[in-house]
N, C-alpha and C. Protein backbone atom coordinates (compact mmCIF):
# COMPACT_ATOMS: atom_id res chain seq x y z
N MET A 1 153.16 50.07 381.22
CA MET A 1 151.94 50.60 380.65
C MET A 1 152.23 51.41 379.39
N LEU A 2 153.32 52.16 379.43
CA LEU A 2 153.70 52.99 378.28
C LEU A 2 154.01 52.11 377.06
N ARG A 3 154.67 50.97 377.28
CA ARG A 3 154.97 50.06 376.18
C ARG A 3 153.69 49.51 375.56
N LYS A 4 152.73 49.19 376.37
CA LYS A 4 151.46 48.67 375.86
C LYS A 4 150.76 49.71 375.01
N LEU A 5 150.78 50.96 375.48
CA LEU A 5 150.16 52.04 374.70
C LEU A 5 150.89 52.27 373.38
N GLN A 6 152.23 52.20 373.40
CA GLN A 6 153.00 52.37 372.17
C GLN A 6 152.72 51.23 371.19
N ALA A 7 152.65 50.00 371.71
CA ALA A 7 152.34 48.86 370.85
C ALA A 7 150.94 48.99 370.27
N TYR A 8 149.98 49.39 371.10
CA TYR A 8 148.61 49.57 370.64
C TYR A 8 148.55 50.66 369.57
N PHE A 9 149.24 51.77 369.79
CA PHE A 9 149.26 52.87 368.84
C PHE A 9 149.87 52.42 367.51
N LYS A 10 150.93 51.63 367.58
CA LYS A 10 151.58 51.13 366.36
C LYS A 10 150.63 50.22 365.57
N ILE A 11 149.92 49.33 366.28
CA ILE A 11 148.98 48.43 365.63
C ILE A 11 147.83 49.21 365.01
N VAL A 12 147.30 50.20 365.74
CA VAL A 12 146.18 51.00 365.24
C VAL A 12 146.58 51.79 364.01
N THR A 13 147.76 52.39 364.00
CA THR A 13 148.19 53.16 362.82
C THR A 13 148.39 52.25 361.61
N CYS A 14 148.96 51.07 361.83
CA CYS A 14 149.13 50.13 360.71
C CYS A 14 147.77 49.71 360.16
N ARG A 15 146.85 49.42 361.05
CA ARG A 15 145.52 48.99 360.63
C ARG A 15 144.79 50.12 359.89
N LEU A 16 144.96 51.34 360.35
CA LEU A 16 144.34 52.49 359.69
C LEU A 16 144.90 52.66 358.28
N CYS A 17 146.21 52.53 358.16
CA CYS A 17 146.83 52.63 356.83
C CYS A 17 146.32 51.52 355.91
N ASP A 18 146.19 50.31 356.44
CA ASP A 18 145.67 49.20 355.64
C ASP A 18 144.23 49.46 355.21
N ASN A 19 143.42 49.98 356.12
CA ASN A 19 142.02 50.25 355.79
C ASN A 19 141.90 51.32 354.72
N VAL A 20 142.73 52.36 354.79
CA VAL A 20 142.69 53.41 353.77
C VAL A 20 143.08 52.83 352.41
N ALA A 21 144.14 52.03 352.40
CA ALA A 21 144.58 51.42 351.13
C ALA A 21 143.50 50.49 350.58
N MET A 22 142.86 49.69 351.43
CA MET A 22 141.80 48.79 350.98
C MET A 22 140.60 49.56 350.45
N ALA A 23 140.27 50.70 351.07
CA ALA A 23 139.14 51.50 350.61
C ALA A 23 139.43 52.09 349.22
N ILE A 24 140.65 52.53 349.01
CA ILE A 24 141.04 53.08 347.70
C ILE A 24 140.99 51.97 346.64
N MET A 25 141.54 50.82 346.96
CA MET A 25 141.54 49.71 346.01
C MET A 25 140.11 49.26 345.69
N ARG A 26 139.25 49.22 346.68
CA ARG A 26 137.85 48.84 346.47
C ARG A 26 137.17 49.81 345.52
N SER A 27 137.43 51.09 345.73
CA SER A 27 136.83 52.11 344.87
C SER A 27 137.34 51.97 343.43
N LEU A 28 138.65 51.74 343.27
CA LEU A 28 139.20 51.58 341.93
C LEU A 28 138.64 50.35 341.24
N PHE A 29 138.58 49.24 341.94
CA PHE A 29 138.07 48.00 341.35
C PHE A 29 136.59 48.12 341.01
N LYS A 30 135.85 48.79 341.86
CA LYS A 30 134.42 48.97 341.60
C LYS A 30 134.20 49.76 340.32
N ASN A 31 134.93 50.86 340.16
CA ASN A 31 134.82 51.67 338.94
C ASN A 31 135.33 50.89 337.72
N PHE A 32 136.40 50.14 337.93
CA PHE A 32 136.98 49.36 336.84
C PHE A 32 135.99 48.32 336.33
N THR A 33 135.35 47.60 337.24
CA THR A 33 134.41 46.56 336.82
C THR A 33 133.20 47.15 336.12
N LYS A 34 132.75 48.31 336.56
CA LYS A 34 131.62 48.96 335.87
C LYS A 34 132.03 49.32 334.45
N ASN A 35 133.21 49.93 334.29
CA ASN A 35 133.66 50.39 332.99
C ASN A 35 134.04 49.25 332.06
N ILE A 36 134.68 48.22 332.60
CA ILE A 36 135.14 47.13 331.73
C ILE A 36 133.96 46.37 331.15
N GLY A 37 132.92 46.19 331.94
CA GLY A 37 131.75 45.48 331.43
C GLY A 37 131.11 46.20 330.26
N SER A 38 130.91 47.50 330.41
CA SER A 38 130.28 48.26 329.32
C SER A 38 131.19 48.34 328.10
N LYS A 39 132.49 48.44 328.31
CA LYS A 39 133.42 48.51 327.18
C LYS A 39 133.49 47.17 326.44
N LEU A 40 133.45 46.06 327.18
CA LEU A 40 133.46 44.75 326.53
C LEU A 40 132.20 44.54 325.69
N ILE A 41 131.08 44.91 326.23
CA ILE A 41 129.83 44.77 325.49
C ILE A 41 129.86 45.63 324.23
N ALA A 42 130.36 46.86 324.37
CA ALA A 42 130.45 47.75 323.20
C ALA A 42 131.40 47.17 322.16
N HIS A 43 132.50 46.57 322.60
CA HIS A 43 133.47 45.99 321.66
C HIS A 43 132.87 44.80 320.92
N VAL A 44 132.17 43.95 321.64
CA VAL A 44 131.55 42.78 321.00
C VAL A 44 130.49 43.23 320.00
N GLU A 45 129.69 44.21 320.37
CA GLU A 45 128.66 44.70 319.45
C GLU A 45 129.28 45.34 318.21
N SER A 46 130.36 46.09 318.40
CA SER A 46 130.99 46.74 317.24
C SER A 46 131.69 45.71 316.36
N SER A 47 132.26 44.66 316.96
CA SER A 47 132.95 43.66 316.13
C SER A 47 131.95 42.78 315.39
N GLN A 48 130.73 42.65 315.90
CA GLN A 48 129.73 41.86 315.21
C GLN A 48 129.17 42.59 314.00
N SER A 49 129.38 43.87 313.93
CA SER A 49 128.90 44.61 312.76
C SER A 49 129.83 44.40 311.57
N HIS A 50 131.08 43.97 311.83
CA HIS A 50 132.02 43.68 310.75
C HIS A 50 131.81 42.25 310.31
N SER A 51 132.13 41.96 309.06
CA SER A 51 132.02 40.58 308.59
C SER A 51 133.29 40.19 307.86
N PHE A 52 133.46 38.89 307.69
CA PHE A 52 134.61 38.38 306.99
C PHE A 52 134.45 38.60 305.49
N PRO A 53 135.58 38.66 304.76
CA PRO A 53 135.49 38.71 303.30
C PRO A 53 135.06 37.34 302.77
N LYS A 54 134.78 37.27 301.48
CA LYS A 54 134.36 36.01 300.88
C LYS A 54 135.47 34.98 301.02
N ASP A 55 135.06 33.70 300.98
CA ASP A 55 136.03 32.61 301.03
C ASP A 55 136.90 32.65 299.79
N VAL A 56 137.96 31.87 299.83
CA VAL A 56 138.89 31.82 298.70
C VAL A 56 138.19 31.31 297.45
N ASP A 57 137.28 30.35 297.62
CA ASP A 57 136.59 29.79 296.46
C ASP A 57 135.42 30.65 296.00
N GLY A 58 135.20 31.79 296.66
CA GLY A 58 134.16 32.71 296.24
C GLY A 58 132.84 32.54 296.93
N ASP A 59 132.72 31.54 297.82
CA ASP A 59 131.47 31.36 298.55
C ASP A 59 131.17 32.58 299.40
N ASP A 60 129.91 32.84 299.54
CA ASP A 60 129.48 34.01 300.30
C ASP A 60 129.06 33.64 301.72
N ASP A 61 129.23 32.34 302.10
CA ASP A 61 128.74 31.94 303.42
C ASP A 61 129.61 32.48 304.55
N ALA A 62 130.82 32.90 304.26
CA ALA A 62 131.69 33.43 305.30
C ALA A 62 131.25 34.82 305.75
N THR A 63 130.48 35.52 304.91
CA THR A 63 130.08 36.87 305.28
C THR A 63 129.03 36.87 306.39
N SER A 64 128.35 35.75 306.57
CA SER A 64 127.33 35.70 307.62
C SER A 64 127.95 35.43 308.98
N ARG A 65 129.22 35.03 309.01
CA ARG A 65 129.88 34.73 310.27
C ARG A 65 130.75 35.92 310.67
N THR A 66 130.53 36.40 311.86
CA THR A 66 131.31 37.53 312.34
C THR A 66 132.53 37.03 313.08
N PRO A 67 133.54 37.89 313.30
CA PRO A 67 134.75 37.46 314.00
C PRO A 67 134.46 36.95 315.41
N MET A 68 133.38 37.38 316.02
CA MET A 68 133.09 36.98 317.39
C MET A 68 132.03 35.89 317.46
N SER A 69 131.59 35.35 316.32
CA SER A 69 130.56 34.33 316.38
C SER A 69 131.16 33.03 316.91
N PRO A 70 130.36 32.24 317.59
CA PRO A 70 130.87 30.99 318.18
C PRO A 70 131.44 30.03 317.14
N ASP A 71 130.84 30.00 315.95
CA ASP A 71 131.34 29.10 314.92
C ASP A 71 132.79 29.43 314.56
N VAL A 72 133.08 30.69 314.43
CA VAL A 72 134.43 31.11 314.06
C VAL A 72 135.39 30.89 315.22
N LEU A 73 134.97 31.21 316.43
CA LEU A 73 135.84 31.06 317.58
C LEU A 73 136.16 29.60 317.88
N LEU A 74 135.22 28.70 317.57
CA LEU A 74 135.42 27.28 317.87
C LEU A 74 136.07 26.50 316.75
N GLU A 75 136.26 27.12 315.59
CA GLU A 75 136.90 26.42 314.48
C GLU A 75 138.33 26.06 314.84
N GLU A 76 138.73 24.85 314.41
CA GLU A 76 140.10 24.41 314.66
C GLU A 76 140.94 24.69 313.43
N ASP A 77 142.14 25.15 313.66
CA ASP A 77 143.07 25.41 312.58
C ASP A 77 143.39 24.10 311.86
N VAL A 78 143.47 24.13 310.54
CA VAL A 78 143.69 22.93 309.74
C VAL A 78 145.04 22.29 310.10
N GLU A 79 146.04 23.10 310.27
CA GLU A 79 147.38 22.59 310.60
C GLU A 79 147.38 21.92 311.97
N ILE A 80 146.67 22.48 312.91
CA ILE A 80 146.60 21.88 314.25
C ILE A 80 145.86 20.55 314.21
N ALA A 81 144.79 20.47 313.42
CA ALA A 81 144.05 19.21 313.27
C ALA A 81 144.94 18.14 312.65
N ARG A 82 145.71 18.51 311.63
CA ARG A 82 146.62 17.56 310.99
C ARG A 82 147.68 17.08 311.98
N GLN A 83 148.23 18.00 312.73
CA GLN A 83 149.25 17.66 313.73
C GLN A 83 148.67 16.73 314.80
N ARG A 84 147.44 16.98 315.21
CA ARG A 84 146.80 16.15 316.22
C ARG A 84 146.61 14.73 315.71
N GLU A 85 146.20 14.60 314.44
CA GLU A 85 146.02 13.26 313.85
C GLU A 85 147.34 12.53 313.76
N LEU A 86 148.41 13.23 313.38
CA LEU A 86 149.73 12.59 313.32
C LEU A 86 150.16 12.11 314.70
N LEU A 87 149.91 12.92 315.71
CA LEU A 87 150.29 12.54 317.07
C LEU A 87 149.46 11.35 317.56
N LYS A 88 148.18 11.29 317.18
CA LYS A 88 147.36 10.14 317.56
C LYS A 88 147.91 8.85 316.93
N GLN A 89 148.30 8.93 315.65
CA GLN A 89 148.86 7.77 314.98
C GLN A 89 150.17 7.34 315.63
N LYS A 90 150.99 8.33 315.98
CA LYS A 90 152.26 8.03 316.64
C LYS A 90 152.02 7.39 318.01
N GLN A 91 151.03 7.87 318.73
CA GLN A 91 150.70 7.30 320.03
C GLN A 91 150.25 5.84 319.89
N LYS A 92 149.44 5.55 318.86
CA LYS A 92 149.01 4.18 318.62
C LYS A 92 150.20 3.27 318.37
N ARG A 93 151.14 3.73 317.52
CA ARG A 93 152.33 2.92 317.22
C ARG A 93 153.17 2.70 318.47
N LEU A 94 153.34 3.73 319.27
CA LEU A 94 154.13 3.60 320.50
C LEU A 94 153.45 2.67 321.50
N ASP A 95 152.14 2.77 321.61
CA ASP A 95 151.41 1.87 322.51
C ASP A 95 151.56 0.42 322.07
N GLU A 96 151.48 0.19 320.77
CA GLU A 96 151.64 -1.16 320.25
C GLU A 96 153.06 -1.67 320.50
N ALA A 97 154.05 -0.82 320.28
CA ALA A 97 155.44 -1.21 320.53
C ALA A 97 155.66 -1.50 322.02
N ARG A 98 155.08 -0.71 322.89
CA ARG A 98 155.21 -0.95 324.32
C ARG A 98 154.56 -2.27 324.71
N ARG A 99 153.41 -2.54 324.14
CA ARG A 99 152.72 -3.79 324.44
C ARG A 99 153.57 -4.99 324.01
N LYS A 100 154.16 -4.91 322.82
CA LYS A 100 155.00 -6.00 322.33
C LYS A 100 156.26 -6.16 323.18
N LEU A 101 156.88 -5.04 323.56
CA LEU A 101 158.07 -5.12 324.42
C LEU A 101 157.74 -5.69 325.78
N LYS A 102 156.60 -5.31 326.31
CA LYS A 102 156.18 -5.81 327.62
C LYS A 102 155.97 -7.32 327.55
N LYS A 103 155.36 -7.78 326.45
CA LYS A 103 155.13 -9.20 326.27
C LYS A 103 156.45 -9.94 326.09
N PHE A 104 157.36 -9.36 325.35
CA PHE A 104 158.66 -9.97 325.07
C PHE A 104 159.53 -10.02 326.32
N CYS A 105 159.51 -8.98 327.12
CA CYS A 105 160.39 -8.87 328.29
C CYS A 105 159.79 -9.48 329.55
N ARG A 106 158.59 -9.99 329.49
CA ARG A 106 157.95 -10.56 330.67
C ARG A 106 158.72 -11.81 331.11
N PRO A 107 159.15 -11.85 332.38
CA PRO A 107 159.90 -13.03 332.84
C PRO A 107 159.00 -14.26 332.88
N LYS A 108 159.61 -15.39 332.56
CA LYS A 108 158.86 -16.64 332.55
C LYS A 108 158.59 -17.13 333.98
N HIS A 109 159.58 -16.98 334.85
CA HIS A 109 159.45 -17.45 336.22
C HIS A 109 159.63 -16.28 337.18
N ARG A 110 158.84 -16.26 338.17
CA ARG A 110 158.97 -15.23 339.21
C ARG A 110 159.78 -15.82 340.35
N TYR A 111 160.78 -15.06 340.78
CA TYR A 111 161.59 -15.48 341.92
C TYR A 111 161.11 -14.74 343.15
N PRO A 112 161.27 -15.33 344.32
CA PRO A 112 160.89 -14.61 345.55
C PRO A 112 161.75 -13.36 345.70
N ALA A 113 161.19 -12.37 346.35
CA ALA A 113 161.89 -11.09 346.51
C ALA A 113 163.18 -11.26 347.28
N SER A 114 163.18 -12.09 348.29
CA SER A 114 164.37 -12.27 349.09
C SER A 114 164.56 -13.76 349.39
N THR A 115 165.69 -14.29 348.98
CA THR A 115 165.98 -15.69 349.24
C THR A 115 167.01 -15.87 350.34
N TYR A 116 167.50 -14.82 350.89
CA TYR A 116 168.53 -14.89 351.93
C TYR A 116 167.93 -14.99 353.28
């Protein structure tokens, strides 16, 4: 009976420690989520008040786009677009070469898997 009580006491103390830790973590996360949401909104609003400088060619259309506007965030880098096009061309050439090799290496006659 004493062993059962000791085991029960050990389980209860572990569970109590876990519950205290979970309550602390819940409180921290709850406060964190409240604060992070308001700080993110404030950051987005403050960054939208800034604008980009004029384009290199002097156009003023860049000033209407803010750093956080969807148009700016979705723009693709010119170098990345060029690299993607080169890779597409390379893929086409490799696919064509594979097709030709497959046609060239195709056996004329099929032999049974096992003749023994």
